[in-house]
Amino acid sequence: MSGRIEARLAELGLTLPAVAAPVAAYIPAVTTGNLVYTSGQLPFTDGALPATGKVAADAAAGSGLVAAEDAKAYARTAALNALAAVESVIGSLDRVTRVVKVVGFVASDPAFTGQPGVINGASELLGEVFGDAGIHARSAVGVAVLPLDAPVEVELVVEFA
């Protein structure tokens, strides 16, 4: 990666991680036409999940639940992992012309309804990195469980030139 997006990531104190190895029978991203579709990306940091479990509004330390603010940070990490997957198939994030859609999944405690706030972690990162080109359509979905008991998962659809 080189260019303006690399510089922007550096300004934000971020670097793209290595693309996470798939945990099943799929690849991290594919292109069709001028679009990249990523597979769902978990919030891996240095090859490990920083937390597991369900997201809850009132998660107490030691409860086995993940606080919504922590999950928001994990959604940001998952989006960064998705950008690494995008770069792996188009060569440079400078080629991105628009983030089209974000789909975010939140492993939710049954009473939790703050999925949009959690997935804002991904959306805000994309806006910080790409400016107006990072404004996108989005779904934020609560689910019973995610792979490896991850608290969040993010996938992207990105347009490139």
N, C-alpha and C. Protein backbone atom coordinates (compact mmCIF):
# COMPACT_ATOMS: atom_id res chain seq x y z
N MET A 1 0.85 -1.18 0.00
CA MET A 1 0.00 0.00 0.00
C MET A 1 0.89 1.22 0.00
N SER A 2 0.52 2.21 -0.81
CA SER A 2 1.24 3.48 -0.79
C SER A 2 0.29 4.56 -1.25
N GLY A 3 0.58 5.78 -0.86
CA GLY A 3 -0.23 6.88 -1.34
C GLY A 3 -1.03 7.56 -0.26
N ARG A 4 -2.09 8.22 -0.70
CA ARG A 4 -2.86 9.08 0.21
C ARG A 4 -3.57 8.30 1.31
N ILE A 5 -4.09 7.12 1.02
CA ILE A 5 -4.79 6.36 2.06
C ILE A 5 -3.80 5.82 3.09
N GLU A 6 -2.64 5.38 2.63
CA GLU A 6 -1.60 4.96 3.58
C GLU A 6 -1.22 6.13 4.48
N ALA A 7 -1.10 7.32 3.91
CA ALA A 7 -0.77 8.50 4.71
C ALA A 7 -1.89 8.80 5.69
N ARG A 8 -3.12 8.68 5.24
CA ARG A 8 -4.26 8.94 6.13
C ARG A 8 -4.30 7.95 7.29
N LEU A 9 -4.07 6.68 6.99
CA LEU A 9 -4.03 5.67 8.05
C LEU A 9 -2.93 6.00 9.05
N ALA A 10 -1.78 6.41 8.55
CA ALA A 10 -0.67 6.78 9.44
C ALA A 10 -1.05 7.96 10.31
N GLU A 11 -1.74 8.96 9.74
CA GLU A 11 -2.21 10.11 10.53
C GLU A 11 -3.12 9.65 11.67
N LEU A 12 -3.90 8.63 11.41
CA LEU A 12 -4.83 8.09 12.41
C LEU A 12 -4.14 7.12 13.37
N GLY A 13 -2.86 6.87 13.15
CA GLY A 13 -2.12 5.94 14.00
C GLY A 13 -2.45 4.49 13.72
N LEU A 14 -2.87 4.20 12.49
CA LEU A 14 -3.31 2.86 12.12
C LEU A 14 -2.41 2.26 11.04
N THR A 15 -2.28 0.96 11.06
CA THR A 15 -1.65 0.23 9.97
C THR A 15 -2.56 -0.93 9.63
N LEU A 16 -2.55 -1.30 8.36
CA LEU A 16 -3.36 -2.45 7.96
C LEU A 16 -2.72 -3.72 8.49
N PRO A 17 -3.52 -4.59 9.07
CA PRO A 17 -2.98 -5.88 9.54
C PRO A 17 -2.82 -6.83 8.36
N ALA A 18 -2.17 -7.95 8.62
CA ALA A 18 -2.17 -9.04 7.64
C ALA A 18 -3.60 -9.52 7.49
N VAL A 19 -3.93 -9.99 6.29
CA VAL A 19 -5.28 -10.50 6.06
C VAL A 19 -5.48 -11.75 6.90
N ALA A 20 -6.58 -11.79 7.63
CA ALA A 20 -6.88 -12.94 8.49
C ALA A 20 -7.13 -14.18 7.63
N ALA A 21 -6.57 -15.29 8.06
CA ALA A 21 -6.80 -16.56 7.36
C ALA A 21 -8.26 -16.98 7.55
N PRO A 22 -8.91 -17.44 6.50
CA PRO A 22 -10.30 -17.90 6.63
C PRO A 22 -10.42 -19.04 7.65
N VAL A 23 -11.55 -19.06 8.36
CA VAL A 23 -11.79 -20.12 9.34
C VAL A 23 -12.67 -21.23 8.76
N ALA A 24 -13.02 -21.13 7.46
CA ALA A 24 -13.85 -22.15 6.80
C ALA A 24 -13.55 -22.10 5.30
N ALA A 25 -14.47 -22.57 4.48
CA ALA A 25 -14.27 -22.70 3.04
C ALA A 25 -14.71 -21.44 2.30
N TYR A 26 -13.87 -20.41 2.33
CA TYR A 26 -14.14 -19.16 1.63
C TYR A 26 -12.83 -18.41 1.48
N ILE A 27 -12.87 -17.29 0.76
CA ILE A 27 -11.70 -16.41 0.66
C ILE A 27 -12.07 -15.06 1.25
N PRO A 28 -11.09 -14.27 1.69
CA PRO A 28 -11.38 -13.02 2.38
C PRO A 28 -12.11 -11.96 1.56
N ALA A 29 -11.87 -11.94 0.23
CA ALA A 29 -12.53 -10.93 -0.61
C ALA A 29 -12.51 -11.38 -2.05
N VAL A 30 -13.51 -10.93 -2.81
CA VAL A 30 -13.58 -11.19 -4.24
C VAL A 30 -13.98 -9.89 -4.95
N THR A 31 -13.58 -9.81 -6.22
CA THR A 31 -14.00 -8.69 -7.05
C THR A 31 -14.95 -9.20 -8.12
N THR A 32 -15.87 -8.33 -8.50
CA THR A 32 -16.69 -8.56 -9.67
C THR A 32 -16.96 -7.18 -10.25
N GLY A 33 -16.65 -7.03 -11.53
CA GLY A 33 -16.74 -5.70 -12.12
C GLY A 33 -15.83 -4.75 -11.36
N ASN A 34 -16.41 -3.63 -10.90
CA ASN A 34 -15.62 -2.65 -10.14
C ASN A 34 -15.99 -2.66 -8.65
N LEU A 35 -16.43 -3.81 -8.16
CA LEU A 35 -16.80 -3.93 -6.74
C LEU A 35 -15.95 -5.00 -6.06
N VAL A 36 -15.64 -4.74 -4.80
CA VAL A 36 -15.02 -5.74 -3.93
C VAL A 36 -16.05 -6.09 -2.86
N TYR A 37 -16.26 -7.38 -2.67
CA TYR A 37 -17.09 -7.89 -1.59
C TYR A 37 -16.17 -8.60 -0.62
N THR A 38 -16.19 -8.18 0.64
CA THR A 38 -15.38 -8.91 1.62
C THR A 38 -16.24 -9.96 2.30
N SER A 39 -15.60 -11.00 2.73
CA SER A 39 -16.24 -11.94 3.64
C SER A 39 -16.35 -11.24 4.98
N GLY A 40 -17.16 -11.78 5.85
CA GLY A 40 -17.26 -11.21 7.19
C GLY A 40 -15.91 -11.25 7.88
N GLN A 41 -15.53 -10.13 8.46
CA GLN A 41 -14.23 -10.03 9.13
C GLN A 41 -14.45 -9.89 10.63
N LEU A 42 -13.73 -10.67 11.38
CA LEU A 42 -13.79 -10.62 12.84
C LEU A 42 -12.75 -9.62 13.34
N PRO A 43 -12.84 -9.21 14.59
CA PRO A 43 -11.90 -8.20 15.12
C PRO A 43 -10.57 -8.79 15.60
N PHE A 44 -9.94 -9.60 14.75
CA PHE A 44 -8.66 -10.17 15.13
C PHE A 44 -7.62 -9.08 15.30
N THR A 45 -6.83 -9.20 16.35
CA THR A 45 -5.67 -8.35 16.59
C THR A 45 -4.49 -9.29 16.84
N ASP A 46 -3.49 -9.18 16.01
CA ASP A 46 -2.33 -10.08 16.11
C ASP A 46 -2.76 -11.55 16.12
N GLY A 47 -3.75 -11.89 15.29
CA GLY A 47 -4.18 -13.26 15.13
C GLY A 47 -5.11 -13.80 16.19
N ALA A 48 -5.53 -12.97 17.13
CA ALA A 48 -6.42 -13.45 18.20
C ALA A 48 -7.58 -12.49 18.40
N LEU A 49 -8.68 -13.02 18.90
CA LEU A 49 -9.81 -12.16 19.26
C LEU A 49 -9.51 -11.49 20.59
N PRO A 50 -9.75 -10.19 20.69
CA PRO A 50 -9.49 -9.50 21.96
C PRO A 50 -10.52 -9.83 23.04
N ALA A 51 -11.68 -10.31 22.62
CA ALA A 51 -12.75 -10.69 23.56
C ALA A 51 -13.69 -11.63 22.85
N THR A 52 -14.44 -12.38 23.63
CA THR A 52 -15.49 -13.23 23.09
C THR A 52 -16.75 -13.03 23.92
N GLY A 53 -17.87 -13.43 23.35
CA GLY A 53 -19.12 -13.38 24.09
C GLY A 53 -20.14 -12.43 23.50
N LYS A 54 -21.24 -12.34 24.18
CA LYS A 54 -22.37 -11.51 23.76
C LYS A 54 -22.18 -10.08 24.21
N VAL A 55 -22.69 -9.15 23.41
CA VAL A 55 -22.63 -7.74 23.75
C VAL A 55 -23.87 -7.39 24.57
N ALA A 56 -23.65 -6.62 25.62
CA ALA A 56 -24.74 -6.21 26.51
C ALA A 56 -24.54 -4.76 26.92
N ALA A 57 -25.64 -4.07 27.14
CA ALA A 57 -25.58 -2.67 27.56
C ALA A 57 -24.99 -2.52 28.96
N ASP A 58 -25.23 -3.51 29.80
CA ASP A 58 -24.82 -3.41 31.20
C ASP A 58 -23.80 -4.49 31.57
N ALA A 59 -22.83 -4.71 30.68
CA ALA A 59 -21.82 -5.75 30.92
C ALA A 59 -20.91 -5.34 32.05
N ALA A 60 -20.86 -6.14 33.07
CA ALA A 60 -19.97 -5.90 34.21
C ALA A 60 -18.70 -6.73 34.05
N ALA A 61 -17.61 -6.24 34.58
CA ALA A 61 -16.36 -6.99 34.53
C ALA A 61 -16.57 -8.38 35.11
N GLY A 62 -16.05 -9.38 34.40
CA GLY A 62 -16.16 -10.75 34.88
C GLY A 62 -17.50 -11.41 34.60
N SER A 63 -18.41 -10.71 33.91
CA SER A 63 -19.74 -11.27 33.65
C SER A 63 -19.77 -12.19 32.46
N GLY A 64 -18.69 -12.21 31.66
CA GLY A 64 -18.69 -12.99 30.43
C GLY A 64 -19.37 -12.27 29.28
N LEU A 65 -19.83 -11.04 29.53
CA LEU A 65 -20.46 -10.22 28.51
C LEU A 65 -19.49 -9.14 28.06
N VAL A 66 -19.73 -8.62 26.87
CA VAL A 66 -18.88 -7.58 26.28
C VAL A 66 -19.62 -6.25 26.33
N ALA A 67 -18.99 -5.22 26.85
CA ALA A 67 -19.60 -3.89 26.92
C ALA A 67 -19.77 -3.32 25.52
N ALA A 68 -20.85 -2.57 25.32
CA ALA A 68 -21.14 -1.99 24.01
C ALA A 68 -20.01 -1.10 23.52
N GLU A 69 -19.40 -0.31 24.38
CA GLU A 69 -18.29 0.57 23.96
C GLU A 69 -17.08 -0.25 23.52
N ASP A 70 -16.82 -1.37 24.20
CA ASP A 70 -15.73 -2.25 23.77
C ASP A 70 -16.06 -2.86 22.41
N ALA A 71 -17.31 -3.28 22.24
CA ALA A 71 -17.74 -3.88 20.97
C ALA A 71 -17.62 -2.87 19.83
N LYS A 72 -17.89 -1.60 20.11
CA LYS A 72 -17.74 -0.55 19.09
C LYS A 72 -16.28 -0.49 18.63
N ALA A 73 -15.35 -0.57 19.56
CA ALA A 73 -13.92 -0.59 19.21
C ALA A 73 -13.58 -1.85 18.41
N TYR A 74 -14.20 -2.97 18.74
CA TYR A 74 -13.95 -4.20 18.00
C TYR A 74 -14.51 -4.10 16.58
N ALA A 75 -15.64 -3.41 16.41
CA ALA A 75 -16.19 -3.20 15.06
C ALA A 75 -15.22 -2.37 14.22
N ARG A 76 -14.58 -1.40 14.85
CA ARG A 76 -13.56 -0.59 14.17
C ARG A 76 -12.41 -1.49 13.70
N THR A 77 -11.96 -2.38 14.57
CA THR A 77 -10.89 -3.31 14.23
C THR A 77 -11.32 -4.24 13.10
N ALA A 78 -12.54 -4.75 13.16
CA ALA A 78 -13.05 -5.63 12.11
C ALA A 78 -13.09 -4.89 10.77
N ALA A 79 -13.46 -3.62 10.78
CA ALA A 79 -13.48 -2.83 9.54
C ALA A 79 -12.06 -2.65 9.00
N LEU A 80 -11.11 -2.44 9.88
CA LEU A 80 -9.71 -2.32 9.45
C LEU A 80 -9.26 -3.65 8.82
N ASN A 81 -9.66 -4.76 9.40
CA ASN A 81 -9.35 -6.06 8.82
C ASN A 81 -10.01 -6.22 7.46
N ALA A 82 -11.23 -5.71 7.31
CA ALA A 82 -11.91 -5.76 6.02
C ALA A 82 -11.17 -4.92 4.98
N LEU A 83 -10.64 -3.77 5.39
CA LEU A 83 -9.86 -2.95 4.46
C LEU A 83 -8.59 -3.70 4.01
N ALA A 84 -7.98 -4.46 4.90
CA ALA A 84 -6.83 -5.27 4.51
C ALA A 84 -7.23 -6.29 3.46
N ALA A 85 -8.42 -6.88 3.61
CA ALA A 85 -8.91 -7.85 2.63
C ALA A 85 -9.16 -7.15 1.28
N VAL A 86 -9.72 -5.93 1.33
CA VAL A 86 -9.93 -5.16 0.10
C VAL A 86 -8.60 -4.93 -0.60
N GLU A 87 -7.63 -4.43 0.16
CA GLU A 87 -6.32 -4.14 -0.43
C GLU A 87 -5.69 -5.39 -1.05
N SER A 88 -5.93 -6.54 -0.44
CA SER A 88 -5.31 -7.78 -0.93
C SER A 88 -5.77 -8.15 -2.33
N VAL A 89 -6.94 -7.68 -2.73
CA VAL A 89 -7.44 -8.03 -4.07
C VAL A 89 -7.34 -6.90 -5.08
N ILE A 90 -7.17 -5.64 -4.64
CA ILE A 90 -7.05 -4.55 -5.61
C ILE A 90 -5.69 -3.86 -5.57
N GLY A 91 -4.83 -4.26 -4.65
CA GLY A 91 -3.46 -3.76 -4.64
C GLY A 91 -3.21 -2.50 -3.85
N SER A 92 -4.15 -1.57 -3.83
CA SER A 92 -3.99 -0.31 -3.11
C SER A 92 -5.35 0.25 -2.74
N LEU A 93 -5.47 0.72 -1.51
CA LEU A 93 -6.72 1.36 -1.09
C LEU A 93 -6.93 2.71 -1.77
N ASP A 94 -5.89 3.25 -2.40
CA ASP A 94 -6.06 4.48 -3.19
C ASP A 94 -7.00 4.26 -4.36
N ARG A 95 -7.23 3.03 -4.75
CA ARG A 95 -8.15 2.72 -5.85
C ARG A 95 -9.61 2.77 -5.43
N VAL A 96 -9.88 2.80 -4.13
CA VAL A 96 -11.27 2.83 -3.64
C VAL A 96 -11.89 4.18 -4.01
N THR A 97 -13.03 4.12 -4.68
CA THR A 97 -13.76 5.34 -5.03
C THR A 97 -14.96 5.57 -4.12
N ARG A 98 -15.45 4.50 -3.49
CA ARG A 98 -16.61 4.64 -2.60
C ARG A 98 -16.78 3.37 -1.77
N VAL A 99 -17.10 3.56 -0.51
CA VAL A 99 -17.58 2.45 0.31
C VAL A 99 -19.09 2.41 0.07
N VAL A 100 -19.57 1.33 -0.50
CA VAL A 100 -20.97 1.24 -0.91
C VAL A 100 -21.86 0.78 0.24
N LYS A 101 -21.44 -0.29 0.92
CA LYS A 101 -22.29 -0.87 1.96
C LYS A 101 -21.45 -1.51 3.05
N VAL A 102 -21.93 -1.40 4.26
CA VAL A 102 -21.36 -2.08 5.42
C VAL A 102 -22.47 -2.94 6.01
N VAL A 103 -22.14 -4.18 6.28
CA VAL A 103 -23.06 -5.06 7.02
C VAL A 103 -22.32 -5.44 8.30
N GLY A 104 -22.95 -5.15 9.42
CA GLY A 104 -22.35 -5.46 10.71
C GLY A 104 -23.23 -6.39 11.51
N PHE A 105 -22.63 -7.37 12.11
CA PHE A 105 -23.33 -8.34 12.95
C PHE A 105 -22.82 -8.19 14.38
N VAL A 106 -23.74 -8.20 15.33
CA VAL A 106 -23.39 -8.06 16.73
C VAL A 106 -23.97 -9.26 17.48
N ALA A 107 -23.11 -10.07 18.09
CA ALA A 107 -23.58 -11.16 18.93
C ALA A 107 -24.20 -10.51 20.16
N SER A 108 -25.50 -10.61 20.29
CA SER A 108 -26.23 -9.78 21.25
C SER A 108 -26.86 -10.57 22.38
N ASP A 109 -26.67 -10.05 23.60
CA ASP A 109 -27.45 -10.51 24.73
C ASP A 109 -28.91 -10.28 24.36
N PRO A 110 -29.84 -11.13 24.78
CA PRO A 110 -31.24 -10.99 24.34
C PRO A 110 -31.87 -9.61 24.57
N ALA A 111 -31.45 -8.89 25.59
CA ALA A 111 -32.05 -7.58 25.87
C ALA A 111 -31.33 -6.43 25.15
N PHE A 112 -30.24 -6.71 24.45
CA PHE A 112 -29.43 -5.64 23.85
C PHE A 112 -30.05 -5.17 22.53
N THR A 113 -30.23 -3.85 22.41
CA THR A 113 -30.79 -3.27 21.19
C THR A 113 -29.91 -2.16 20.61
N GLY A 114 -28.67 -2.10 21.02
CA GLY A 114 -27.78 -1.03 20.59
C GLY A 114 -26.86 -1.40 19.44
N GLN A 115 -27.29 -2.30 18.56
CA GLN A 115 -26.45 -2.74 17.45
C GLN A 115 -25.99 -1.57 16.56
N PRO A 116 -26.85 -0.60 16.24
CA PRO A 116 -26.36 0.51 15.40
C PRO A 116 -25.20 1.26 16.03
N GLY A 117 -25.23 1.48 17.32
CA GLY A 117 -24.13 2.18 17.99
C GLY A 117 -22.84 1.38 17.95
N VAL A 118 -22.94 0.08 18.07
CA VAL A 118 -21.75 -0.77 17.99
C VAL A 118 -21.13 -0.69 16.60
N ILE A 119 -21.95 -0.81 15.57
CA ILE A 119 -21.43 -0.83 14.20
C ILE A 119 -20.98 0.57 13.76
N ASN A 120 -21.35 1.60 14.52
CA ASN A 120 -20.79 2.93 14.26
C ASN A 120 -19.27 2.90 14.32
N GLY A 121 -18.70 1.98 15.09
CA GLY A 121 -17.24 1.87 15.15
C GLY A 121 -16.65 1.63 13.77
N ALA A 122 -17.29 0.78 12.97
CA ALA A 122 -16.84 0.52 11.60
C ALA A 122 -17.13 1.71 10.71
N SER A 123 -18.34 2.23 10.80
CA SER A 123 -18.74 3.35 9.93
C SER A 123 -17.89 4.58 10.16
N GLU A 124 -17.62 4.89 11.41
CA GLU A 124 -16.80 6.07 11.72
C GLU A 124 -15.38 5.91 11.20
N LEU A 125 -14.81 4.71 11.32
CA LEU A 125 -13.47 4.47 10.78
C LEU A 125 -13.45 4.73 9.28
N LEU A 126 -14.43 4.21 8.57
CA LEU A 126 -14.46 4.37 7.11
C LEU A 126 -14.59 5.84 6.72
N GLY A 127 -15.36 6.60 7.47
CA GLY A 127 -15.46 8.03 7.22
C GLY A 127 -14.14 8.74 7.49
N GLU A 128 -13.45 8.35 8.57
CA GLU A 128 -12.16 8.96 8.89
C GLU A 128 -11.12 8.67 7.81
N VAL A 129 -11.15 7.47 7.27
CA VAL A 129 -10.15 7.07 6.28
C VAL A 129 -10.45 7.65 4.90
N PHE A 130 -11.71 7.56 4.46
CA PHE A 130 -12.05 7.91 3.08
C PHE A 130 -12.81 9.22 2.92
N GLY A 131 -13.15 9.90 4.01
CA GLY A 131 -13.92 11.13 3.89
C GLY A 131 -15.29 10.85 3.29
N ASP A 132 -15.75 11.71 2.38
CA ASP A 132 -17.08 11.54 1.79
C ASP A 132 -17.23 10.20 1.07
N ALA A 133 -16.16 9.67 0.51
CA ALA A 133 -16.22 8.38 -0.18
C ALA A 133 -16.46 7.23 0.81
N GLY A 134 -16.33 7.49 2.09
CA GLY A 134 -16.57 6.47 3.11
C GLY A 134 -17.99 6.44 3.63
N ILE A 135 -18.83 7.38 3.17
CA ILE A 135 -20.24 7.40 3.59
C ILE A 135 -20.97 6.31 2.82
N HIS A 136 -21.74 5.48 3.51
CA HIS A 136 -22.25 4.24 2.93
C HIS A 136 -23.64 3.89 3.43
N ALA A 137 -24.27 2.95 2.71
CA ALA A 137 -25.48 2.30 3.21
C ALA A 137 -25.04 1.25 4.23
N ARG A 138 -25.95 0.85 5.14
CA ARG A 138 -25.51 -0.04 6.20
C ARG A 138 -26.66 -0.84 6.79
N SER A 139 -26.32 -2.02 7.26
CA SER A 139 -27.20 -2.82 8.10
C SER A 139 -26.44 -3.16 9.37
N ALA A 140 -27.12 -3.12 10.51
CA ALA A 140 -26.54 -3.49 11.80
C ALA A 140 -27.50 -4.51 12.42
N VAL A 141 -27.05 -5.75 12.50
CA VAL A 141 -27.94 -6.86 12.82
C VAL A 141 -27.50 -7.55 14.11
N GLY A 142 -28.43 -7.79 15.00
CA GLY A 142 -28.16 -8.57 16.20
C GLY A 142 -28.35 -10.05 15.90
N VAL A 143 -27.40 -10.86 16.33
CA VAL A 143 -27.46 -12.30 16.10
C VAL A 143 -27.17 -13.04 17.41
N ALA A 144 -27.53 -14.32 17.44
CA ALA A 144 -27.35 -15.12 18.66
C ALA A 144 -25.89 -15.44 18.93
N VAL A 145 -25.14 -15.75 17.88
CA VAL A 145 -23.73 -16.12 18.05
C VAL A 145 -23.01 -15.89 16.73
N LEU A 146 -21.71 -15.61 16.82
CA LEU A 146 -20.86 -15.43 15.65
C LEU A 146 -19.74 -16.45 15.69
N PRO A 147 -19.04 -16.66 14.56
CA PRO A 147 -17.94 -17.62 14.55
C PRO A 147 -16.92 -17.33 15.65
N LEU A 148 -16.41 -18.38 16.24
CA LEU A 148 -15.41 -18.32 17.31
C LEU A 148 -15.89 -17.54 18.53
N ASP A 149 -17.20 -17.34 18.64
CA ASP A 149 -17.81 -16.58 19.73
C ASP A 149 -17.39 -15.11 19.71
N ALA A 150 -17.06 -14.59 18.52
CA ALA A 150 -16.68 -13.18 18.38
C ALA A 150 -17.86 -12.29 18.72
N PRO A 151 -17.60 -11.11 19.28
CA PRO A 151 -18.71 -10.21 19.59
C PRO A 151 -19.24 -9.46 18.38
N VAL A 152 -18.41 -9.24 17.36
CA VAL A 152 -18.83 -8.51 16.16
C VAL A 152 -18.20 -9.12 14.91
N GLU A 153 -18.84 -8.84 13.79
CA GLU A 153 -18.33 -9.22 12.47
C GLU A 153 -18.76 -8.14 11.49
N VAL A 154 -17.87 -7.77 10.58
CA VAL A 154 -18.15 -6.69 9.62
C VAL A 154 -17.79 -7.16 8.21
N GLU A 155 -18.65 -6.84 7.26
CA GLU A 155 -18.33 -7.07 5.85
C GLU A 155 -18.57 -5.79 5.07
N LEU A 156 -17.82 -5.64 3.98
CA LEU A 156 -17.89 -4.43 3.17
C LEU A 156 -18.18 -4.75 1.72
N VAL A 157 -18.81 -3.78 1.05
CA VAL A 157 -18.87 -3.73 -0.39
C VAL A 157 -18.26 -2.39 -0.77
N VAL A 158 -17.21 -2.45 -1.59
CA VAL A 158 -16.43 -1.26 -1.93
C VAL A 158 -16.31 -1.15 -3.44
N GLU A 159 -16.48 0.06 -3.96
CA GLU A 159 -16.28 0.33 -5.39
C GLU A 159 -14.85 0.80 -5.60
N PHE A 160 -14.25 0.39 -6.72
CA PHE A 160 -12.87 0.81 -7.01
C PHE A 160 -12.73 1.14 -8.49
N ALA A 161 -11.68 1.89 -8.79
CA ALA A 161 -11.39 2.24 -10.19
C ALA A 161 -10.13 1.53 -10.62
